[in-house]
Amino acid sequence: MHKRMAALMATAIAATGMASLTASPAEAADCHKGTVIETVQVRIAPNPSAPSVGTRAKGSTVCIYATTTGEDNPYTACGIHSSQWVRISSSFVVPPKWVAATCIRQL
């Protein structure tokens, strides 16, 4: 059963192109590790009003690929007021995944 499931998943990934959703070697080298200091919402855009696609738990490790400022959309997260965001997904992932920078401690 497990072999059949693995074969079906491999076929689905190949058919949909999802295999390309991993970071390229160059992008993986640009990954800067960080630790989530308090459970944080993961959003599809660097904006506190953007839809949430889940959470990252306190203590989990994330890969920081980019940072940006959402100047028109400040937020308060992890007890700090800011407009800084970090992208925790490679550029190949759609939609991208952003979290409040105030909840990430860079390693």
N, C-alpha and C. Protein backbone atom coordinates (compact mmCIF):
# COMPACT_ATOMS: atom_id res chain seq x y z
N MET A 1 0.82 -1.20 0.00
CA MET A 1 0.00 0.00 0.00
C MET A 1 0.86 1.26 0.00
N HIS A 2 1.93 1.30 0.82
CA HIS A 2 2.78 2.49 0.89
C HIS A 2 3.49 2.74 -0.43
N LYS A 3 3.93 1.68 -1.10
CA LYS A 3 4.61 1.85 -2.39
C LYS A 3 3.65 2.41 -3.43
N ARG A 4 2.41 1.93 -3.40
CA ARG A 4 1.43 2.41 -4.36
C ARG A 4 1.12 3.89 -4.10
N MET A 5 0.97 4.27 -2.83
CA MET A 5 0.70 5.67 -2.48
C MET A 5 1.86 6.56 -2.92
N ALA A 6 3.09 6.10 -2.69
CA ALA A 6 4.26 6.87 -3.09
C ALA A 6 4.30 7.04 -4.60
N ALA A 7 3.96 5.98 -5.34
CA ALA A 7 3.93 6.06 -6.80
C ALA A 7 2.87 7.03 -7.28
N LEU A 8 1.68 7.00 -6.65
CA LEU A 8 0.62 7.94 -7.01
C LEU A 8 1.01 9.38 -6.73
N MET A 9 1.66 9.62 -5.60
CA MET A 9 2.11 10.97 -5.26
C MET A 9 3.16 11.45 -6.24
N ALA A 10 4.10 10.59 -6.61
CA ALA A 10 5.13 10.96 -7.56
C ALA A 10 4.52 11.31 -8.90
N THR A 11 3.52 10.56 -9.32
CA THR A 11 2.84 10.84 -10.58
C THR A 11 2.12 12.18 -10.50
N ALA A 12 1.45 12.45 -9.40
CA ALA A 12 0.74 13.72 -9.24
C ALA A 12 1.70 14.89 -9.22
N ILE A 13 2.82 14.74 -8.56
CA ILE A 13 3.80 15.82 -8.50
C ILE A 13 4.36 16.09 -9.89
N ALA A 14 4.69 15.04 -10.63
CA ALA A 14 5.22 15.21 -11.97
C ALA A 14 4.20 15.86 -12.89
N ALA A 15 2.94 15.46 -12.75
CA ALA A 15 1.89 15.99 -13.62
C ALA A 15 1.58 17.45 -13.35
N THR A 16 1.69 17.88 -12.11
CA THR A 16 1.34 19.26 -11.75
C THR A 16 2.54 20.19 -11.72
N GLY A 17 3.73 19.65 -11.85
CA GLY A 17 4.91 20.49 -11.78
C GLY A 17 5.29 20.90 -10.39
N MET A 18 4.69 20.27 -9.38
CA MET A 18 4.97 20.66 -8.00
C MET A 18 6.39 20.35 -7.59
N ALA A 19 7.09 19.51 -8.31
CA ALA A 19 8.47 19.20 -7.95
C ALA A 19 9.33 20.45 -8.02
N SER A 20 8.92 21.45 -8.81
CA SER A 20 9.70 22.67 -8.94
C SER A 20 9.48 23.63 -7.77
N LEU A 21 8.70 23.23 -6.78
CA LEU A 21 8.41 24.12 -5.66
C LEU A 21 9.51 24.14 -4.61
N THR A 22 10.58 23.43 -4.81
CA THR A 22 11.68 23.48 -3.86
C THR A 22 12.64 24.59 -4.28
N ALA A 23 13.42 25.05 -3.34
CA ALA A 23 14.36 26.13 -3.62
C ALA A 23 15.48 25.63 -4.53
N SER A 24 15.91 26.52 -5.41
CA SER A 24 17.05 26.20 -6.25
C SER A 24 18.29 26.15 -5.36
N PRO A 25 19.39 25.52 -5.80
CA PRO A 25 20.60 25.50 -4.98
C PRO A 25 21.08 26.90 -4.60
N ALA A 26 21.00 27.83 -5.55
CA ALA A 26 21.44 29.21 -5.26
C ALA A 26 20.54 29.85 -4.21
N GLU A 27 19.23 29.62 -4.33
CA GLU A 27 18.32 30.22 -3.36
C GLU A 27 18.47 29.55 -2.00
N ALA A 28 18.67 28.25 -1.98
CA ALA A 28 18.87 27.55 -0.71
C ALA A 28 20.10 28.09 0.00
N ALA A 29 21.12 28.46 -0.75
CA ALA A 29 22.33 29.02 -0.15
C ALA A 29 22.04 30.39 0.48
N ASP A 30 21.01 31.08 -0.03
CA ASP A 30 20.64 32.39 0.50
C ASP A 30 19.72 32.30 1.71
N CYS A 31 19.38 31.10 2.12
CA CYS A 31 18.50 30.90 3.26
C CYS A 31 19.22 31.29 4.55
N HIS A 32 18.57 32.13 5.33
CA HIS A 32 19.09 32.50 6.64
C HIS A 32 18.14 31.92 7.67
N LYS A 33 18.63 31.10 8.55
CA LYS A 33 17.78 30.42 9.54
C LYS A 33 17.31 31.40 10.61
N GLY A 34 16.10 31.14 11.07
CA GLY A 34 15.53 31.92 12.15
C GLY A 34 14.67 31.02 13.02
N THR A 35 14.42 31.47 14.24
CA THR A 35 13.57 30.73 15.18
C THR A 35 12.34 31.56 15.48
N VAL A 36 11.19 30.92 15.47
CA VAL A 36 9.93 31.58 15.80
C VAL A 36 9.88 31.75 17.32
N ILE A 37 9.75 33.00 17.78
CA ILE A 37 9.78 33.27 19.23
C ILE A 37 8.40 33.21 19.87
N GLU A 38 7.35 33.25 19.05
CA GLU A 38 5.97 33.14 19.52
C GLU A 38 5.16 32.66 18.32
N THR A 39 4.21 31.77 18.51
CA THR A 39 3.42 31.28 17.39
C THR A 39 2.90 32.45 16.56
N VAL A 40 3.07 32.35 15.25
CA VAL A 40 2.80 33.48 14.36
C VAL A 40 1.97 33.02 13.15
N GLN A 41 1.11 33.91 12.69
CA GLN A 41 0.31 33.65 11.49
C GLN A 41 1.20 33.73 10.24
N VAL A 42 1.00 32.81 9.32
CA VAL A 42 1.68 32.84 8.03
C VAL A 42 0.68 33.42 7.03
N ARG A 43 1.09 34.46 6.31
CA ARG A 43 0.19 35.16 5.40
C ARG A 43 0.71 35.11 3.96
N ILE A 44 -0.19 35.34 3.00
CA ILE A 44 0.20 35.26 1.59
C ILE A 44 0.80 36.56 1.07
N ALA A 45 0.82 37.60 1.89
CA ALA A 45 1.40 38.89 1.52
C ALA A 45 1.89 39.57 2.79
N PRO A 46 2.85 40.49 2.66
CA PRO A 46 3.36 41.20 3.84
C PRO A 46 2.40 42.29 4.30
N ASN A 47 1.27 41.84 4.85
CA ASN A 47 0.20 42.74 5.24
C ASN A 47 -0.62 42.02 6.32
N PRO A 48 -0.89 42.66 7.44
CA PRO A 48 -1.64 41.99 8.50
C PRO A 48 -3.07 41.64 8.10
N SER A 49 -3.58 42.24 7.02
CA SER A 49 -4.92 41.93 6.54
C SER A 49 -4.94 40.83 5.48
N ALA A 50 -3.77 40.41 5.02
CA ALA A 50 -3.70 39.36 4.00
C ALA A 50 -4.20 38.04 4.57
N PRO A 51 -4.78 37.20 3.73
CA PRO A 51 -5.28 35.91 4.23
C PRO A 51 -4.17 35.08 4.88
N SER A 52 -4.53 34.41 5.95
CA SER A 52 -3.61 33.52 6.65
C SER A 52 -3.71 32.14 6.03
N VAL A 53 -2.55 31.50 5.88
CA VAL A 53 -2.52 30.14 5.34
C VAL A 53 -2.02 29.15 6.37
N GLY A 54 -2.00 29.58 7.63
CA GLY A 54 -1.58 28.70 8.71
C GLY A 54 -0.77 29.44 9.75
N THR A 55 -0.07 28.69 10.57
CA THR A 55 0.77 29.26 11.61
C THR A 55 2.10 28.54 11.63
N ARG A 56 3.08 29.17 12.25
CA ARG A 56 4.34 28.53 12.58
C ARG A 56 4.44 28.56 14.09
N ALA A 57 4.73 27.43 14.67
CA ALA A 57 4.73 27.28 16.13
C ALA A 57 5.98 27.88 16.77
N LYS A 58 5.80 28.35 17.99
CA LYS A 58 6.90 28.85 18.79
C LYS A 58 7.99 27.78 18.85
N GLY A 59 9.23 28.21 18.63
CA GLY A 59 10.37 27.30 18.69
C GLY A 59 10.72 26.63 17.38
N SER A 60 9.84 26.73 16.37
CA SER A 60 10.16 26.11 15.09
C SER A 60 11.21 26.94 14.35
N THR A 61 11.92 26.27 13.46
CA THR A 61 12.95 26.93 12.66
C THR A 61 12.37 27.25 11.30
N VAL A 62 12.67 28.45 10.80
CA VAL A 62 12.22 28.86 9.47
C VAL A 62 13.43 29.28 8.66
N CYS A 63 13.25 29.27 7.37
CA CYS A 63 14.26 29.74 6.45
C CYS A 63 13.82 31.11 5.95
N ILE A 64 14.63 32.13 6.18
CA ILE A 64 14.30 33.49 5.78
C ILE A 64 14.93 33.74 4.41
N TYR A 65 14.09 33.97 3.41
CA TYR A 65 14.58 34.20 2.05
C TYR A 65 14.62 35.67 1.68
N ALA A 66 13.77 36.49 2.30
CA ALA A 66 13.71 37.91 1.96
C ALA A 66 13.06 38.68 3.10
N THR A 67 13.28 39.98 3.10
CA THR A 67 12.61 40.87 4.06
C THR A 67 12.03 42.04 3.28
N THR A 68 10.99 42.64 3.84
CA THR A 68 10.40 43.81 3.21
C THR A 68 9.70 44.65 4.28
N THR A 69 9.37 45.86 3.90
CA THR A 69 8.63 46.76 4.79
C THR A 69 7.27 47.00 4.18
N GLY A 70 6.24 46.76 4.95
CA GLY A 70 4.88 47.08 4.54
C GLY A 70 4.48 48.39 5.20
N GLU A 71 5.08 49.49 4.73
CA GLU A 71 4.96 50.79 5.39
C GLU A 71 3.52 51.24 5.61
N ASP A 72 2.64 50.88 4.70
CA ASP A 72 1.25 51.31 4.84
C ASP A 72 0.43 50.39 5.71
N ASN A 73 1.05 49.31 6.20
CA ASN A 73 0.32 48.30 6.96
C ASN A 73 1.07 47.87 8.21
N PRO A 74 1.26 48.77 9.17
CA PRO A 74 1.96 48.37 10.40
C PRO A 74 1.11 47.40 11.22
N TYR A 75 1.76 46.68 12.10
CA TYR A 75 1.11 45.67 12.92
C TYR A 75 1.78 45.65 14.29
N THR A 76 1.15 44.99 15.23
CA THR A 76 1.77 44.68 16.51
C THR A 76 1.75 43.16 16.64
N ALA A 77 2.93 42.58 16.75
CA ALA A 77 3.05 41.12 16.90
C ALA A 77 4.21 40.83 17.83
N CYS A 78 4.03 39.85 18.65
CA CYS A 78 5.05 39.46 19.63
C CYS A 78 5.43 40.65 20.50
N GLY A 79 4.45 41.52 20.78
CA GLY A 79 4.63 42.65 21.67
C GLY A 79 5.37 43.83 21.08
N ILE A 80 5.60 43.84 19.76
CA ILE A 80 6.36 44.92 19.12
C ILE A 80 5.56 45.48 17.94
N HIS A 81 5.52 46.81 17.83
CA HIS A 81 4.87 47.49 16.71
C HIS A 81 5.88 47.64 15.59
N SER A 82 5.53 47.22 14.37
CA SER A 82 6.48 47.25 13.26
C SER A 82 5.74 47.20 11.93
N SER A 83 6.51 47.30 10.86
CA SER A 83 5.99 47.08 9.51
C SER A 83 6.94 46.19 8.72
N GLN A 84 7.85 45.50 9.42
CA GLN A 84 8.82 44.60 8.80
C GLN A 84 8.25 43.19 8.67
N TRP A 85 8.50 42.55 7.53
CA TRP A 85 8.03 41.19 7.25
C TRP A 85 9.18 40.37 6.71
N VAL A 86 9.12 39.05 6.91
CA VAL A 86 10.10 38.14 6.32
C VAL A 86 9.35 37.08 5.51
N ARG A 87 9.94 36.75 4.34
CA ARG A 87 9.38 35.69 3.49
C ARG A 87 10.03 34.39 3.87
N ILE A 88 9.23 33.40 4.24
CA ILE A 88 9.77 32.12 4.71
C ILE A 88 9.55 31.00 3.70
N SER A 89 9.26 31.38 2.46
CA SER A 89 9.12 30.38 1.39
C SER A 89 10.03 30.79 0.25
N SER A 90 10.45 29.80 -0.52
CA SER A 90 11.28 30.11 -1.69
C SER A 90 10.44 30.88 -2.70
N SER A 91 11.09 31.50 -3.66
CA SER A 91 10.36 32.28 -4.66
C SER A 91 9.54 31.41 -5.59
N PHE A 92 9.75 30.09 -5.53
CA PHE A 92 8.99 29.17 -6.38
C PHE A 92 7.64 28.81 -5.78
N VAL A 93 7.42 29.11 -4.52
CA VAL A 93 6.18 28.74 -3.85
C VAL A 93 5.12 29.81 -4.11
N VAL A 94 3.95 29.39 -4.56
CA VAL A 94 2.84 30.29 -4.82
C VAL A 94 1.64 29.78 -4.04
N PRO A 95 0.99 30.58 -3.21
CA PRO A 95 1.39 31.94 -2.88
C PRO A 95 2.59 31.95 -1.93
N PRO A 96 3.32 33.07 -1.92
CA PRO A 96 4.46 33.16 -0.99
C PRO A 96 3.97 33.16 0.45
N LYS A 97 4.86 32.90 1.35
CA LYS A 97 4.51 32.82 2.76
C LYS A 97 5.31 33.86 3.54
N TRP A 98 4.59 34.77 4.19
CA TRP A 98 5.19 35.88 4.94
C TRP A 98 4.79 35.80 6.40
N VAL A 99 5.71 36.19 7.28
CA VAL A 99 5.40 36.29 8.72
C VAL A 99 5.94 37.60 9.25
N ALA A 100 5.37 38.04 10.36
CA ALA A 100 5.82 39.27 11.01
C ALA A 100 7.28 39.09 11.47
N ALA A 101 8.13 40.01 11.07
CA ALA A 101 9.55 39.91 11.40
C ALA A 101 9.80 40.00 12.90
N THR A 102 8.90 40.65 13.63
CA THR A 102 9.10 40.80 15.07
C THR A 102 8.99 39.49 15.82
N CYS A 103 8.46 38.45 15.15
CA CYS A 103 8.31 37.15 15.81
C CYS A 103 9.38 36.15 15.40
N ILE A 104 10.41 36.63 14.70
CA ILE A 104 11.50 35.76 14.25
C ILE A 104 12.83 36.28 14.80
N ARG A 105 13.59 35.35 15.39
CA ARG A 105 14.95 35.68 15.85
C ARG A 105 15.91 35.01 14.88
N GLN A 106 16.70 35.83 14.18
CA GLN A 106 17.66 35.26 13.24
C GLN A 106 18.77 34.56 13.98
N LEU A 107 19.15 33.40 13.47
CA LEU A 107 20.23 32.62 14.08
C LEU A 107 21.58 33.00 13.51
